[in-house]
Protein backbone atom coordinates (compact mmCIF):
# COMPACT_ATOMS: atom_id res chain seq x y z
CA MET A 1 -17.48 6.13 16.06
CA GLY A 2 -13.86 5.60 16.64
CA ALA A 3 -11.05 7.77 15.40
CA SER A 4 -9.93 5.11 12.92
CA ASN A 5 -13.12 5.24 10.85
CA HIS A 6 -14.13 8.84 11.43
CA GLY A 7 -13.52 9.74 7.78
CA TRP A 8 -15.87 7.00 6.57
CA PHE A 9 -18.58 8.16 8.97
CA PHE A 10 -18.16 11.74 7.76
CA ALA A 11 -18.45 10.54 4.13
CA TYR A 12 -21.61 8.60 5.01
CA ILE A 13 -23.21 11.60 6.73
CA PHE A 14 -22.28 13.89 3.84
CA SER A 15 -23.63 11.49 1.19
CA THR A 16 -26.85 11.00 3.17
CA PHE A 17 -27.25 14.76 3.49
CA THR A 18 -26.70 15.17 -0.26
CA TYR A 19 -29.22 12.45 -1.07
CA VAL A 20 -31.91 13.90 1.22
CA ALA A 21 -31.26 17.38 -0.21
CA LEU A 22 -31.75 16.08 -3.75
CA VAL A 23 -34.95 14.21 -2.85
CA THR A 24 -36.29 17.30 -1.09
CA PHE A 25 -35.46 19.49 -4.09
CA ILE A 26 -37.08 17.06 -6.52
CA SER A 27 -40.22 16.76 -4.41
CA ALA A 28 -40.42 20.56 -4.08
CA SER A 29 -40.02 20.92 -7.84
CA LEU A 30 -42.69 18.31 -8.48
CA SER A 31 -45.05 19.99 -6.02
CA TRP A 32 -44.46 23.36 -7.63
CA TYR A 33 -45.07 21.96 -11.09
CA LEU A 34 -48.21 20.06 -10.13
CA ILE A 35 -49.75 22.91 -8.15
CA PHE A 36 -48.91 25.91 -10.33
CA GLU A 37 -48.25 24.56 -13.82
CA GLU A 38 -50.46 21.50 -14.17
CA PHE A 39 -53.68 23.13 -12.97
CA ASN A 40 -53.17 26.16 -15.20
CA GLU A 41 -53.21 23.89 -18.23
CA LEU A 42 -56.28 21.95 -17.09
CA ASN A 43 -58.56 24.54 -18.72
CA ASP A 44 -57.61 23.18 -22.12
CA ASP A 45 -60.19 20.47 -23.00
CA HIS A 46 -57.76 18.53 -25.18
CA TYR A 47 -55.17 18.45 -22.42
CA LEU A 48 -57.80 17.48 -19.86
CA SER A 49 -58.88 14.47 -21.92
CA LEU A 50 -55.25 13.37 -22.35
CA LEU A 51 -54.64 13.80 -18.64
CA ASP A 52 -57.76 11.84 -17.67
CA SER A 53 -56.78 8.99 -19.92
CA TRP A 54 -53.27 8.91 -18.48
CA VAL A 55 -53.66 9.20 -14.69
CA GLY A 56 -57.08 10.50 -13.78
CA ASP A 57 -57.87 13.63 -11.82
CA TYR A 58 -57.79 12.05 -8.36
CA GLN A 59 -54.26 10.76 -8.86
CA ILE A 60 -52.96 14.27 -9.49
CA HIS A 61 -54.18 15.24 -6.03
CA LEU A 62 -52.50 12.14 -4.63
CA TYR A 63 -49.23 13.10 -6.34
CA ILE A 64 -49.47 16.59 -4.88
CA VAL A 65 -50.10 15.30 -1.35
CA VAL A 66 -47.29 12.74 -1.58
CA SER A 67 -44.79 15.21 -3.00
CA LEU A 68 -45.65 17.80 -0.34
CA LEU A 69 -45.34 15.14 2.35
CA LEU A 70 -41.93 14.10 1.02
CA PHE A 71 -40.90 17.75 0.98
CA VAL A 72 -41.87 18.28 4.64
CA ILE A 73 -40.21 15.03 5.75
CA GLY A 74 -37.13 15.97 3.73
CA LEU A 75 -36.92 19.36 5.46
CA PHE A 76 -37.14 17.65 8.85
CA PHE A 77 -34.34 15.22 8.02
CA LEU A 78 -32.25 17.95 6.39
CA SER A 79 -32.34 20.04 9.54
CA SER A 80 -31.34 17.04 11.68
CA LEU A 81 -28.59 15.98 9.28
CA LEU A 82 -27.32 19.56 9.05
CA MET A 83 -26.81 19.67 12.82
CA LEU A 84 -25.06 16.29 12.77
CA LEU A 85 -22.94 17.32 9.79
CA SER A 86 -21.87 20.55 11.48
CA VAL A 87 -20.76 18.65 14.60
CA GLN A 88 -18.88 16.11 12.49
CA VAL A 89 -17.14 18.83 10.46
CA ARG A 90 -15.92 20.40 13.70
CA ASN A 91 -14.79 16.97 14.89
CA PHE A 92 -13.05 16.25 11.60
CA VAL A 93 -11.24 19.60 11.58
CA SER A 94 -10.12 19.24 15.21
CA ASN A 95 -9.19 15.57 14.60
CA MET A 96 -11.19 14.45 17.63
CA THR A 97 -14.21 12.23 18.15
CA THR A 98 -17.42 13.52 19.71
CA SER A 99 -16.65 11.61 22.88
CA GLU A 100 -13.24 13.26 23.14
CA ARG A 101 -14.67 16.73 22.51
CA TYR A 102 -17.67 16.53 24.83
CA GLY A 103 -16.39 14.03 27.39
CA ARG A 104 -15.90 15.05 30.98
CA GLY A 105 -12.21 14.41 31.00
CA THR A 106 -12.36 10.65 31.34
CA LYS A 107 -10.20 8.86 28.86
CA VAL A 108 -11.13 5.39 27.72
CA SER A 109 -8.16 3.23 26.94
CA VAL A 110 -8.47 1.06 23.87
CA GLY A 111 -6.77 -2.28 23.64
C-alpha cells in the first residue's frame, strides 16, 4: 500500500473487521439460542410438532454445528484482523507506510 491510498486501505480493514465482528456476534447469538433456549422448549409437545413440521430435528443440529463453525472461524479472522488493524492504526497515526516503518533504511524512490 502506498502512502497516497493508505486511508482507503485503513477504511477497508476497519470495515472488514466490523463485518467479521458482526457475523461472529450473530453466529454466537444463534448458537446460544439454539443450544440453550431451543432445546429447553422441546419438551413441549405442541412446540415439538410445530418444530418438526418446520425444519425437522436433524436440521437444528446442523444449524448448531454451522453456527458454531462460523463462530470459531470468525474468532480466527477477528484475531488476525485485529493484529493487522493495530499495525495500520500505528501507521496511520505516524503517517508512514509499513515499509517505511519496518524497512531497513533503504528508501525506494517513486517516479
